[in-house]
Amino acid sequence: MRRVQVEVVDVPVTITGSVPMLISVCLSPNWEFVQLEYSQGCASQRFFDFPTTTHPSTMGSDAGPMSGTRPSFTTLYKAYLAAFNSHSLPETFAHLSPNIRITYLSNPIDSSAAALEKAYTDHWAVLKAPIVALAIEEFEEGVRCTLLDEGAGKVAKVVYWYAQEDGGNEWKHIKHEILEVQNVSDGGGAKENNGADEAVTLSG
């Protein structure tokens, strides 16, 4: 049985030099997609659907984060995101496996500690606003997230994979899978194919 937790929010966004907009995230009526829309003035446009691979008919009455054998990955991810947004390398790296692998649009990129330290610190130097999790879907091995970088005007879809390490006492990130990065101002019409370092930090 697949148990998931999906959190949804409305986030007001003002992209520099443009009209204020509202990012809305909601479950589709059949629970097959998390719908991400933006509203700007009188215009509204949905710019991508995030498949949940889950429908209420497949979920038990106790649907939600699994317990007993592992902690809530949603809770662990929120702690990681808070560490990232605090711009603390020690706190951020405490959530990562030394053997973490990162892929961007299915392509592996340098995931060494030195490369990640440079990517994080370079991005924090220009980060204009905290990364916001617009949606979090928990599955058996991690979380699927829709993330907003308001300062850069970008939205990313990222999957975070967890595994037990340190003798089974710690759950750490073993993989960041960056699926898609889009410009909010383009209504999601243009996918980003910028440098891998930027993609790493967009993964939050």
N, C-alpha and C. Protein backbone atom coordinates (compact mmCIF):
# COMPACT_ATOMS: atom_id res chain seq x y z
N MET A 1 0.85 -1.19 0.00
CA MET A 1 0.00 0.00 0.00
C MET A 1 0.88 1.24 0.00
N ARG A 2 0.57 2.22 -0.84
CA ARG A 2 1.32 3.46 -0.89
C ARG A 2 0.62 4.51 -0.03
N ARG A 3 1.34 5.06 0.92
CA ARG A 3 0.79 6.08 1.78
C ARG A 3 1.51 7.38 1.47
N VAL A 4 0.76 8.45 1.29
CA VAL A 4 1.40 9.72 0.94
C VAL A 4 0.82 10.84 1.79
N GLN A 5 1.61 11.89 1.89
CA GLN A 5 1.14 13.13 2.50
C GLN A 5 1.42 14.25 1.52
N VAL A 6 0.40 14.99 1.18
CA VAL A 6 0.56 16.12 0.25
C VAL A 6 0.15 17.38 0.98
N GLU A 7 1.05 18.36 1.01
CA GLU A 7 0.74 19.64 1.62
C GLU A 7 0.55 20.66 0.50
N VAL A 8 -0.45 21.52 0.65
CA VAL A 8 -0.73 22.51 -0.40
C VAL A 8 -0.80 23.90 0.21
N VAL A 9 -0.36 24.89 -0.57
CA VAL A 9 -0.31 26.25 -0.05
C VAL A 9 -0.62 27.24 -1.16
N ASP A 10 -0.95 28.48 -0.78
CA ASP A 10 -1.00 29.62 -1.68
C ASP A 10 0.15 30.53 -1.29
N VAL A 11 0.95 30.95 -2.25
CA VAL A 11 2.12 31.78 -1.96
C VAL A 11 2.07 33.03 -2.81
N PRO A 12 1.96 34.24 -2.18
CA PRO A 12 2.02 35.47 -2.97
C PRO A 12 3.45 35.73 -3.43
N VAL A 13 3.62 36.09 -4.68
CA VAL A 13 4.95 36.28 -5.25
C VAL A 13 4.99 37.58 -6.02
N THR A 14 6.06 38.35 -5.87
CA THR A 14 6.28 39.53 -6.70
C THR A 14 7.62 39.37 -7.38
N ILE A 15 7.61 39.16 -8.69
CA ILE A 15 8.84 39.08 -9.46
C ILE A 15 9.26 40.50 -9.82
N THR A 16 10.54 40.83 -9.62
CA THR A 16 11.02 42.20 -9.86
C THR A 16 10.60 42.71 -11.23
N GLY A 17 9.97 43.88 -11.22
CA GLY A 17 9.59 44.51 -12.47
C GLY A 17 8.31 43.99 -13.08
N SER A 18 7.57 43.15 -12.33
CA SER A 18 6.33 42.61 -12.89
C SER A 18 5.19 42.80 -11.92
N VAL A 19 3.98 42.46 -12.37
CA VAL A 19 2.79 42.58 -11.54
C VAL A 19 2.79 41.47 -10.49
N PRO A 20 2.41 41.75 -9.24
CA PRO A 20 2.35 40.69 -8.23
C PRO A 20 1.48 39.53 -8.70
N MET A 21 1.89 38.33 -8.32
CA MET A 21 1.14 37.15 -8.73
C MET A 21 0.94 36.24 -7.53
N LEU A 22 0.02 35.30 -7.67
CA LEU A 22 -0.27 34.34 -6.61
C LEU A 22 -0.02 32.94 -7.16
N ILE A 23 0.83 32.19 -6.48
CA ILE A 23 1.06 30.80 -6.83
C ILE A 23 0.08 29.95 -6.03
N SER A 24 -0.73 29.13 -6.69
CA SER A 24 -1.71 28.28 -6.02
C SER A 24 -1.40 26.82 -6.31
N VAL A 25 -1.46 26.01 -5.27
CA VAL A 25 -1.21 24.58 -5.42
C VAL A 25 -2.40 23.83 -4.85
N CYS A 26 -2.96 22.90 -5.61
CA CYS A 26 -4.11 22.16 -5.11
C CYS A 26 -4.15 20.78 -5.73
N LEU A 27 -4.83 19.85 -5.07
CA LEU A 27 -5.04 18.52 -5.62
C LEU A 27 -6.10 18.58 -6.70
N SER A 28 -5.88 17.85 -7.79
CA SER A 28 -6.90 17.75 -8.82
C SER A 28 -8.07 16.94 -8.26
N PRO A 29 -9.27 17.09 -8.85
CA PRO A 29 -10.46 16.41 -8.31
C PRO A 29 -10.30 14.89 -8.17
N ASN A 30 -9.54 14.27 -9.05
CA ASN A 30 -9.39 12.81 -8.96
C ASN A 30 -8.13 12.39 -8.22
N TRP A 31 -7.46 13.35 -7.60
CA TRP A 31 -6.25 13.09 -6.80
C TRP A 31 -5.09 12.56 -7.65
N GLU A 32 -5.15 12.69 -8.94
CA GLU A 32 -4.08 12.16 -9.77
C GLU A 32 -2.95 13.16 -9.97
N PHE A 33 -3.23 14.44 -9.73
CA PHE A 33 -2.20 15.45 -9.94
C PHE A 33 -2.25 16.48 -8.83
N VAL A 34 -1.09 17.03 -8.50
CA VAL A 34 -1.03 18.30 -7.79
C VAL A 34 -0.92 19.37 -8.86
N GLN A 35 -1.89 20.27 -8.89
CA GLN A 35 -1.94 21.30 -9.93
C GLN A 35 -1.28 22.57 -9.41
N LEU A 36 -0.36 23.12 -10.19
CA LEU A 36 0.33 24.35 -9.84
C LEU A 36 -0.09 25.43 -10.82
N GLU A 37 -0.71 26.50 -10.30
CA GLU A 37 -1.21 27.57 -11.13
C GLU A 37 -0.61 28.90 -10.67
N TYR A 38 -0.57 29.88 -11.58
CA TYR A 38 -0.24 31.22 -11.14
C TYR A 38 -1.29 32.19 -11.64
N SER A 39 -1.58 33.21 -10.84
CA SER A 39 -2.54 34.25 -11.20
C SER A 39 -1.79 35.58 -11.19
N GLN A 40 -1.96 36.36 -12.25
CA GLN A 40 -1.32 37.66 -12.36
C GLN A 40 -2.34 38.63 -12.93
N GLY A 41 -2.76 39.58 -12.09
CA GLY A 41 -3.83 40.47 -12.51
C GLY A 41 -5.10 39.66 -12.70
N CYS A 42 -5.69 39.76 -13.89
CA CYS A 42 -6.91 39.01 -14.19
C CYS A 42 -6.62 37.69 -14.90
N ALA A 43 -5.35 37.43 -15.17
CA ALA A 43 -4.99 36.21 -15.90
C ALA A 43 -4.62 35.10 -14.94
N SER A 44 -4.97 33.88 -15.32
CA SER A 44 -4.61 32.71 -14.53
C SER A 44 -4.22 31.59 -15.47
N GLN A 45 -3.15 30.91 -15.14
CA GLN A 45 -2.68 29.83 -16.01
C GLN A 45 -2.06 28.71 -15.18
N ARG A 46 -2.43 27.46 -15.50
CA ARG A 46 -1.80 26.31 -14.87
C ARG A 46 -0.55 25.97 -15.66
N PHE A 47 0.61 25.89 -14.97
CA PHE A 47 1.80 25.66 -15.76
C PHE A 47 2.47 24.33 -15.54
N PHE A 48 2.07 23.50 -14.60
CA PHE A 48 2.36 22.09 -14.71
C PHE A 48 1.61 21.30 -13.66
N ASP A 49 1.45 20.00 -13.93
CA ASP A 49 0.84 19.06 -13.01
C ASP A 49 1.92 18.13 -12.48
N PHE A 50 1.89 17.88 -11.20
CA PHE A 50 2.84 17.00 -10.56
C PHE A 50 2.12 15.69 -10.24
N PRO A 51 2.39 14.59 -10.96
CA PRO A 51 1.68 13.33 -10.70
C PRO A 51 1.89 12.85 -9.26
N THR A 52 0.81 12.44 -8.60
CA THR A 52 0.92 11.92 -7.25
C THR A 52 1.02 10.41 -7.23
N THR A 53 0.65 9.73 -8.33
CA THR A 53 0.64 8.26 -8.43
C THR A 53 -0.22 7.64 -7.33
N THR A 54 -1.17 8.41 -6.83
CA THR A 54 -1.98 7.94 -5.71
C THR A 54 -3.43 8.38 -5.90
N HIS A 55 -4.34 7.54 -5.54
CA HIS A 55 -5.76 7.84 -5.59
C HIS A 55 -6.37 7.35 -4.28
N PRO A 56 -7.38 8.04 -3.72
CA PRO A 56 -7.95 7.62 -2.45
C PRO A 56 -8.37 6.15 -2.42
N SER A 57 -8.76 5.60 -3.56
CA SER A 57 -9.21 4.20 -3.56
C SER A 57 -8.09 3.24 -3.25
N THR A 58 -6.83 3.67 -3.38
CA THR A 58 -5.70 2.80 -3.11
C THR A 58 -5.12 3.05 -1.73
N MET A 59 -5.72 3.99 -1.00
CA MET A 59 -5.17 4.38 0.29
C MET A 59 -6.03 3.86 1.42
N GLY A 60 -5.38 3.42 2.51
CA GLY A 60 -6.10 2.96 3.67
C GLY A 60 -6.60 4.12 4.50
N SER A 61 -7.39 3.81 5.52
CA SER A 61 -7.94 4.87 6.36
C SER A 61 -6.86 5.56 7.17
N ASP A 62 -5.70 4.91 7.30
CA ASP A 62 -4.61 5.50 8.05
C ASP A 62 -3.57 6.11 7.12
N ALA A 63 -4.01 6.50 5.93
CA ALA A 63 -3.07 7.05 4.95
C ALA A 63 -2.33 8.24 5.52
N GLY A 64 -1.06 8.32 5.21
CA GLY A 64 -0.21 9.38 5.72
C GLY A 64 1.20 8.86 5.82
N PRO A 65 2.11 9.61 6.44
CA PRO A 65 3.48 9.16 6.56
C PRO A 65 3.55 7.84 7.31
N MET A 66 4.38 6.91 6.83
CA MET A 66 4.54 5.64 7.50
C MET A 66 5.26 5.85 8.82
N SER A 67 4.98 5.01 9.78
CA SER A 67 5.59 5.16 11.10
C SER A 67 6.10 3.80 11.55
N GLY A 68 6.83 3.79 12.67
CA GLY A 68 7.31 2.55 13.23
C GLY A 68 8.69 2.19 12.71
N THR A 69 8.82 1.95 11.42
CA THR A 69 10.10 1.54 10.86
C THR A 69 10.95 2.73 10.44
N ARG A 70 10.36 3.87 10.30
CA ARG A 70 11.13 5.05 9.89
C ARG A 70 10.39 6.32 10.31
N PRO A 71 11.10 7.45 10.36
CA PRO A 71 10.43 8.72 10.67
C PRO A 71 9.70 9.25 9.45
N SER A 72 9.00 10.34 9.64
CA SER A 72 8.33 11.01 8.53
C SER A 72 9.37 11.69 7.65
N PHE A 73 9.40 11.32 6.37
CA PHE A 73 10.33 11.97 5.45
C PHE A 73 9.94 13.43 5.24
N THR A 74 8.65 13.74 5.36
CA THR A 74 8.22 15.13 5.25
C THR A 74 8.86 15.98 6.35
N THR A 75 8.85 15.46 7.57
CA THR A 75 9.47 16.16 8.70
C THR A 75 10.97 16.31 8.49
N LEU A 76 11.61 15.24 8.04
CA LEU A 76 13.05 15.30 7.78
C LEU A 76 13.37 16.31 6.69
N TYR A 77 12.54 16.34 5.64
CA TYR A 77 12.81 17.27 4.56
C TYR A 77 12.64 18.71 5.03
N LYS A 78 11.62 18.98 5.83
CA LYS A 78 11.42 20.34 6.32
C LYS A 78 12.62 20.80 7.16
N ALA A 79 13.21 19.87 7.92
CA ALA A 79 14.39 20.20 8.71
C ALA A 79 15.57 20.53 7.79
N TYR A 80 15.70 19.75 6.72
CA TYR A 80 16.76 20.02 5.74
C TYR A 80 16.55 21.38 5.07
N LEU A 81 15.32 21.67 4.66
CA LEU A 81 15.04 22.94 3.99
C LEU A 81 15.31 24.12 4.93
N ALA A 82 14.97 23.96 6.21
CA ALA A 82 15.24 25.01 7.19
C ALA A 82 16.75 25.23 7.33
N ALA A 83 17.51 24.12 7.32
CA ALA A 83 18.97 24.24 7.40
C ALA A 83 19.51 24.95 6.17
N PHE A 84 18.99 24.57 5.00
CA PHE A 84 19.41 25.22 3.75
C PHE A 84 19.12 26.72 3.80
N ASN A 85 17.91 27.08 4.22
CA ASN A 85 17.53 28.49 4.24
C ASN A 85 18.24 29.28 5.32
N SER A 86 18.87 28.59 6.27
CA SER A 86 19.67 29.28 7.30
C SER A 86 21.08 29.55 6.80
N HIS A 87 21.42 29.01 5.61
CA HIS A 87 22.74 29.19 4.99
C HIS A 87 23.86 28.60 5.85
N SER A 88 23.55 27.51 6.51
CA SER A 88 24.54 26.83 7.36
C SER A 88 25.05 25.58 6.66
N LEU A 89 26.33 25.58 6.29
CA LEU A 89 26.91 24.38 5.66
C LEU A 89 26.90 23.18 6.59
N PRO A 90 27.33 23.32 7.87
CA PRO A 90 27.31 22.14 8.75
C PRO A 90 25.91 21.55 8.94
N GLU A 91 24.91 22.42 9.13
CA GLU A 91 23.55 21.92 9.33
C GLU A 91 22.99 21.31 8.06
N THR A 92 23.30 21.90 6.91
CA THR A 92 22.82 21.35 5.64
C THR A 92 23.48 20.01 5.34
N PHE A 93 24.81 19.94 5.49
CA PHE A 93 25.53 18.71 5.20
C PHE A 93 25.18 17.59 6.18
N ALA A 94 24.65 17.94 7.35
CA ALA A 94 24.26 16.92 8.33
C ALA A 94 23.13 16.06 7.79
N HIS A 95 22.39 16.56 6.80
CA HIS A 95 21.27 15.82 6.22
C HIS A 95 21.69 14.98 5.01
N LEU A 96 22.91 15.16 4.54
CA LEU A 96 23.34 14.52 3.30
C LEU A 96 24.25 13.33 3.57
N SER A 97 24.05 12.27 2.80
CA SER A 97 24.98 11.15 2.83
C SER A 97 26.30 11.56 2.20
N PRO A 98 27.43 11.08 2.71
CA PRO A 98 28.70 11.36 2.05
C PRO A 98 28.74 10.81 0.62
N ASN A 99 27.87 9.85 0.35
CA ASN A 99 27.82 9.22 -0.97
C ASN A 99 26.64 9.71 -1.81
N ILE A 100 26.12 10.90 -1.48
CA ILE A 100 24.94 11.41 -2.19
C ILE A 100 25.24 11.54 -3.69
N ARG A 101 24.21 11.26 -4.49
CA ARG A 101 24.29 11.44 -5.95
C ARG A 101 23.22 12.46 -6.35
N ILE A 102 23.58 13.33 -7.27
CA ILE A 102 22.64 14.35 -7.75
C ILE A 102 22.55 14.25 -9.26
N THR A 103 21.32 14.24 -9.76
CA THR A 103 21.11 14.23 -11.21
C THR A 103 20.27 15.44 -11.59
N TYR A 104 20.56 16.00 -12.75
CA TYR A 104 19.82 17.15 -13.28
C TYR A 104 19.33 16.78 -14.67
N LEU A 105 18.01 16.70 -14.82
CA LEU A 105 17.40 16.28 -16.08
C LEU A 105 17.99 14.94 -16.53
N SER A 106 18.11 14.03 -15.55
CA SER A 106 18.60 12.65 -15.73
C SER A 106 20.11 12.56 -15.93
N ASN A 107 20.82 13.68 -15.93
CA ASN A 107 22.27 13.66 -16.12
C ASN A 107 22.99 13.77 -14.78
N PRO A 108 23.91 12.85 -14.48
CA PRO A 108 24.66 12.94 -13.22
C PRO A 108 25.58 14.15 -13.23
N ILE A 109 25.71 14.81 -12.07
CA ILE A 109 26.61 15.94 -11.96
C ILE A 109 27.53 15.72 -10.76
N ASP A 110 28.56 16.52 -10.65
CA ASP A 110 29.55 16.38 -9.58
C ASP A 110 28.87 16.54 -8.22
N SER A 111 28.88 15.47 -7.43
CA SER A 111 28.21 15.49 -6.13
C SER A 111 29.22 15.36 -4.99
N SER A 112 30.47 15.66 -5.26
CA SER A 112 31.49 15.60 -4.22
C SER A 112 31.24 16.68 -3.18
N ALA A 113 31.80 16.49 -1.99
CA ALA A 113 31.61 17.46 -0.92
C ALA A 113 32.12 18.83 -1.33
N ALA A 114 33.27 18.88 -2.02
CA ALA A 114 33.83 20.17 -2.44
C ALA A 114 32.92 20.87 -3.44
N ALA A 115 32.37 20.09 -4.39
CA ALA A 115 31.48 20.68 -5.40
C ALA A 115 30.20 21.18 -4.77
N LEU A 116 29.64 20.42 -3.84
CA LEU A 116 28.40 20.84 -3.19
C LEU A 116 28.63 22.06 -2.31
N GLU A 117 29.75 22.08 -1.60
CA GLU A 117 30.04 23.24 -0.75
C GLU A 117 30.13 24.51 -1.60
N LYS A 118 30.78 24.42 -2.73
CA LYS A 118 30.89 25.59 -3.62
C LYS A 118 29.52 25.98 -4.18
N ALA A 119 28.71 24.98 -4.59
CA ALA A 119 27.40 25.27 -5.16
C ALA A 119 26.50 25.94 -4.14
N TYR A 120 26.49 25.40 -2.91
CA TYR A 120 25.65 25.99 -1.87
C TYR A 120 26.10 27.41 -1.53
N THR A 121 27.38 27.60 -1.27
CA THR A 121 27.84 28.93 -0.85
C THR A 121 27.68 29.96 -1.96
N ASP A 122 27.93 29.56 -3.21
CA ASP A 122 27.75 30.49 -4.33
C ASP A 122 26.29 30.91 -4.46
N HIS A 123 25.38 29.96 -4.28
CA HIS A 123 23.96 30.28 -4.41
C HIS A 123 23.48 31.13 -3.25
N TRP A 124 23.90 30.81 -2.05
CA TRP A 124 23.48 31.60 -0.89
C TRP A 124 23.93 33.05 -1.03
N ALA A 125 25.05 33.28 -1.69
CA ALA A 125 25.57 34.64 -1.85
C ALA A 125 24.65 35.51 -2.68
N VAL A 126 23.85 34.90 -3.55
CA VAL A 126 22.96 35.68 -4.42
C VAL A 126 21.48 35.40 -4.15
N LEU A 127 21.19 34.52 -3.20
CA LEU A 127 19.80 34.15 -2.91
C LEU A 127 19.06 35.35 -2.34
N LYS A 128 17.94 35.72 -2.96
CA LYS A 128 17.19 36.90 -2.55
C LYS A 128 16.05 36.59 -1.60
N ALA A 129 15.63 35.33 -1.55
CA ALA A 129 14.51 34.93 -0.68
C ALA A 129 14.67 33.45 -0.36
N PRO A 130 14.12 33.00 0.75
CA PRO A 130 14.20 31.58 1.08
C PRO A 130 13.51 30.71 0.03
N ILE A 131 14.01 29.51 -0.15
CA ILE A 131 13.34 28.53 -1.00
C ILE A 131 12.06 28.09 -0.29
N VAL A 132 10.94 28.05 -1.01
CA VAL A 132 9.64 27.68 -0.43
C VAL A 132 9.18 26.36 -1.03
N ALA A 133 8.76 25.43 -0.17
CA ALA A 133 8.18 24.17 -0.64
C ALA A 133 6.69 24.40 -0.92
N LEU A 134 6.32 24.45 -2.18
CA LEU A 134 4.92 24.66 -2.55
C LEU A 134 4.10 23.39 -2.34
N ALA A 135 4.72 22.24 -2.54
CA ALA A 135 4.03 20.96 -2.35
C ALA A 135 5.05 19.90 -1.97
N ILE A 136 4.65 19.03 -1.05
CA ILE A 136 5.50 17.91 -0.61
C ILE A 136 4.66 16.65 -0.65
N GLU A 137 5.10 15.67 -1.41
CA GLU A 137 4.43 14.38 -1.46
C GLU A 137 5.39 13.31 -0.94
N GLU A 138 4.99 12.63 0.11
CA GLU A 138 5.83 11.60 0.70
C GLU A 138 5.53 10.24 0.09
N PHE A 139 6.60 9.46 -0.20
CA PHE A 139 6.42 8.09 -0.66
C PHE A 139 7.35 7.20 0.15
N GLU A 140 7.43 5.92 -0.18
CA GLU A 140 8.12 4.96 0.67
C GLU A 140 9.60 5.23 0.86
N GLU A 141 10.23 5.92 -0.09
CA GLU A 141 11.68 6.10 -0.02
C GLU A 141 12.12 7.56 0.00
N GLY A 142 11.16 8.48 0.12
CA GLY A 142 11.54 9.88 0.15
C GLY A 142 10.38 10.81 -0.06
N VAL A 143 10.65 11.97 -0.67
CA VAL A 143 9.61 12.97 -0.92
C VAL A 143 9.78 13.55 -2.32
N ARG A 144 8.65 13.88 -2.94
CA ARG A 144 8.64 14.62 -4.21
C ARG A 144 8.19 16.04 -3.89
N CYS A 145 8.96 17.01 -4.32
CA CYS A 145 8.70 18.40 -3.93
C CYS A 145 8.57 19.32 -5.13
N THR A 146 7.73 20.32 -4.99
CA THR A 146 7.66 21.44 -5.91
C THR A 146 8.18 22.65 -5.14
N LEU A 147 9.26 23.25 -5.63
CA LEU A 147 9.96 24.30 -4.88
C LEU A 147 9.94 25.61 -5.65
N LEU A 148 9.80 26.70 -4.91
CA LEU A 148 9.80 28.04 -5.49
C LEU A 148 11.02 28.81 -5.03
N ASP A 149 11.79 29.30 -5.97
CA ASP A 149 12.85 30.28 -5.71
C ASP A 149 12.28 31.63 -6.16
N GLU A 150 11.67 32.34 -5.21
CA GLU A 150 10.96 33.58 -5.56
C GLU A 150 11.91 34.63 -6.12
N GLY A 151 13.10 34.73 -5.52
CA GLY A 151 14.04 35.75 -5.97
C GLY A 151 14.47 35.56 -7.41
N ALA A 152 14.65 34.30 -7.82
CA ALA A 152 15.06 34.01 -9.20
C ALA A 152 13.87 33.82 -10.13
N GLY A 153 12.67 33.74 -9.57
CA GLY A 153 11.48 33.54 -10.38
C GLY A 153 11.43 32.17 -11.03
N LYS A 154 11.84 31.13 -10.28
CA LYS A 154 11.88 29.78 -10.84
C LYS A 154 11.15 28.79 -9.94
N VAL A 155 10.60 27.76 -10.56
CA VAL A 155 9.96 26.66 -9.85
C VAL A 155 10.65 25.37 -10.29
N ALA A 156 10.97 24.51 -9.31
CA ALA A 156 11.65 23.25 -9.61
C ALA A 156 10.85 22.07 -9.06
N LYS A 157 10.93 20.95 -9.76
CA LYS A 157 10.37 19.69 -9.31
C LYS A 157 11.54 18.77 -8.96
N VAL A 158 11.61 18.35 -7.71
CA VAL A 158 12.77 17.59 -7.23
C VAL A 158 12.29 16.40 -6.40
N VAL A 159 12.96 15.26 -6.58
CA VAL A 159 12.70 14.08 -5.75
C VAL A 159 13.91 13.88 -4.85
N TYR A 160 13.65 13.71 -3.55
CA TYR A 160 14.70 13.47 -2.57
C TYR A 160 14.56 12.04 -2.06
N TRP A 161 15.64 11.28 -2.15
CA TRP A 161 15.65 9.87 -1.73
C TRP A 161 16.42 9.74 -0.42
N TYR A 162 15.88 8.92 0.50
CA TYR A 162 16.49 8.72 1.81
C TYR A 162 16.93 7.27 1.99
N ALA A 163 17.92 7.08 2.88
CA ALA A 163 18.32 5.74 3.30
C ALA A 163 18.96 5.86 4.68
N GLN A 164 18.96 4.76 5.41
CA GLN A 164 19.58 4.74 6.74
C GLN A 164 21.09 4.63 6.60
N GLU A 165 21.79 5.42 7.41
CA GLU A 165 23.24 5.36 7.45
C GLU A 165 23.71 5.45 8.89
N ASP A 166 25.03 5.46 9.08
CA ASP A 166 25.63 5.51 10.41
C ASP A 166 25.12 4.38 11.29
N GLY A 167 25.21 3.16 10.75
CA GLY A 167 24.79 2.01 11.53
C GLY A 167 23.29 1.88 11.67
N GLY A 168 22.54 2.55 10.78
CA GLY A 168 21.09 2.46 10.84
C GLY A 168 20.44 3.45 11.77
N ASN A 169 21.23 4.39 12.33
CA ASN A 169 20.68 5.35 13.29
C ASN A 169 20.26 6.67 12.65
N GLU A 170 20.71 6.93 11.44
CA GLU A 170 20.42 8.20 10.78
C GLU A 170 19.82 7.97 9.41
N TRP A 171 18.82 8.80 9.05
CA TRP A 171 18.26 8.81 7.70
C TRP A 171 18.84 10.00 6.97
N LYS A 172 19.53 9.76 5.86
CA LYS A 172 20.20 10.81 5.12
C LYS A 172 19.74 10.83 3.66
N HIS A 173 19.94 11.97 3.00
CA HIS A 173 19.68 12.08 1.57
C HIS A 173 20.74 11.27 0.82
N ILE A 174 20.30 10.34 -0.01
CA ILE A 174 21.24 9.59 -0.84
C ILE A 174 21.17 10.03 -2.31
N LYS A 175 20.10 10.75 -2.65
CA LYS A 175 19.99 11.22 -4.04
C LYS A 175 19.04 12.40 -4.12
N HIS A 176 19.44 13.40 -4.92
CA HIS A 176 18.57 14.50 -5.31
C HIS A 176 18.34 14.34 -6.81
N GLU A 177 17.10 14.18 -7.20
CA GLU A 177 16.77 13.99 -8.61
C GLU A 177 16.00 15.21 -9.09
N ILE A 178 16.69 16.12 -9.77
CA ILE A 178 16.09 17.37 -10.24
C ILE A 178 15.43 17.09 -11.58
N LEU A 179 14.11 17.08 -11.59
CA LEU A 179 13.36 16.66 -12.76
C LEU A 179 13.10 17.80 -13.75
N GLU A 180 12.90 18.99 -13.19
CA GLU A 180 12.44 20.09 -14.06
C GLU A 180 12.65 21.41 -13.36
N VAL A 181 13.07 22.43 -14.10
CA VAL A 181 13.18 23.80 -13.59
C VAL A 181 12.51 24.70 -14.61
N GLN A 182 11.58 25.55 -14.14
CA GLN A 182 10.84 26.41 -15.04
C GLN A 182 10.83 27.84 -14.53
N ASN A 183 10.68 28.78 -15.48
CA ASN A 183 10.52 30.19 -15.13
C ASN A 183 9.07 30.48 -14.79
N VAL A 184 8.82 31.05 -13.64
CA VAL A 184 7.45 31.41 -13.26
C VAL A 184 6.87 32.43 -14.22
N SER A 185 7.66 33.41 -14.63
CA SER A 185 7.17 34.48 -15.48
C SER A 185 6.78 34.00 -16.88
N ASP A 186 7.30 32.82 -17.27
CA ASP A 186 6.96 32.27 -18.56
C ASP A 186 5.73 31.38 -18.50
N GLY A 187 5.11 31.31 -17.33
CA GLY A 187 3.96 30.42 -17.18
C GLY A 187 4.34 28.97 -17.35
N GLY A 188 5.62 28.66 -17.10
CA GLY A 188 6.06 27.28 -17.19
C GLY A 188 6.32 26.83 -18.60
N GLY A 189 6.25 27.74 -19.56
CA GLY A 189 6.42 27.32 -20.94
C GLY A 189 7.86 27.03 -21.32
N ALA A 190 8.80 27.60 -20.56
CA ALA A 190 10.20 27.40 -20.92
C ALA A 190 10.91 26.64 -19.82
N LYS A 191 11.44 25.47 -20.14
CA LYS A 191 12.22 24.70 -19.19
C LYS A 191 13.65 25.21 -19.19
N GLU A 192 14.22 25.27 -17.98
CA GLU A 192 15.57 25.78 -17.85
C GLU A 192 16.59 24.68 -18.10
N ASN A 193 17.63 25.02 -18.78
CA ASN A 193 18.74 24.11 -18.99
C ASN A 193 20.05 24.83 -18.66
N ASN A 194 20.01 25.57 -17.54
CA ASN A 194 21.17 26.33 -17.13
C ASN A 194 22.20 25.41 -16.50
N GLY A 195 23.28 26.00 -15.98
CA GLY A 195 24.36 25.20 -15.42
C GLY A 195 23.92 24.29 -14.30
N ALA A 196 24.67 23.22 -14.12
CA ALA A 196 24.32 22.23 -13.09
C ALA A 196 24.44 22.79 -11.69
N ASP A 197 25.39 23.73 -11.46
CA ASP A 197 25.54 24.29 -10.13
C ASP A 197 24.27 25.00 -9.68
N GLU A 198 23.64 25.73 -10.60
CA GLU A 198 22.38 26.39 -10.27
C GLU A 198 21.30 25.37 -9.97
N ALA A 199 21.28 24.32 -10.74
CA ALA A 199 20.27 23.28 -10.54
C ALA A 199 20.42 22.63 -9.17
N VAL A 200 21.65 22.41 -8.74
CA VAL A 200 21.89 21.80 -7.42
C VAL A 200 21.26 22.64 -6.34
N THR A 201 21.48 23.95 -6.38
CA THR A 201 20.96 24.80 -5.32
C THR A 201 19.47 25.02 -5.44
N LEU A 202 18.92 24.90 -6.63
CA LEU A 202 17.46 24.97 -6.76
C LEU A 202 16.80 23.77 -6.11
N SER A 203 17.57 22.72 -5.88
CA SER A 203 16.99 21.55 -5.22
C SER A 203 16.82 21.80 -3.73
N GLY A 204 17.24 22.95 -3.27
CA GLY A 204 17.03 23.32 -1.89
C GLY A 204 17.95 22.59 -0.95
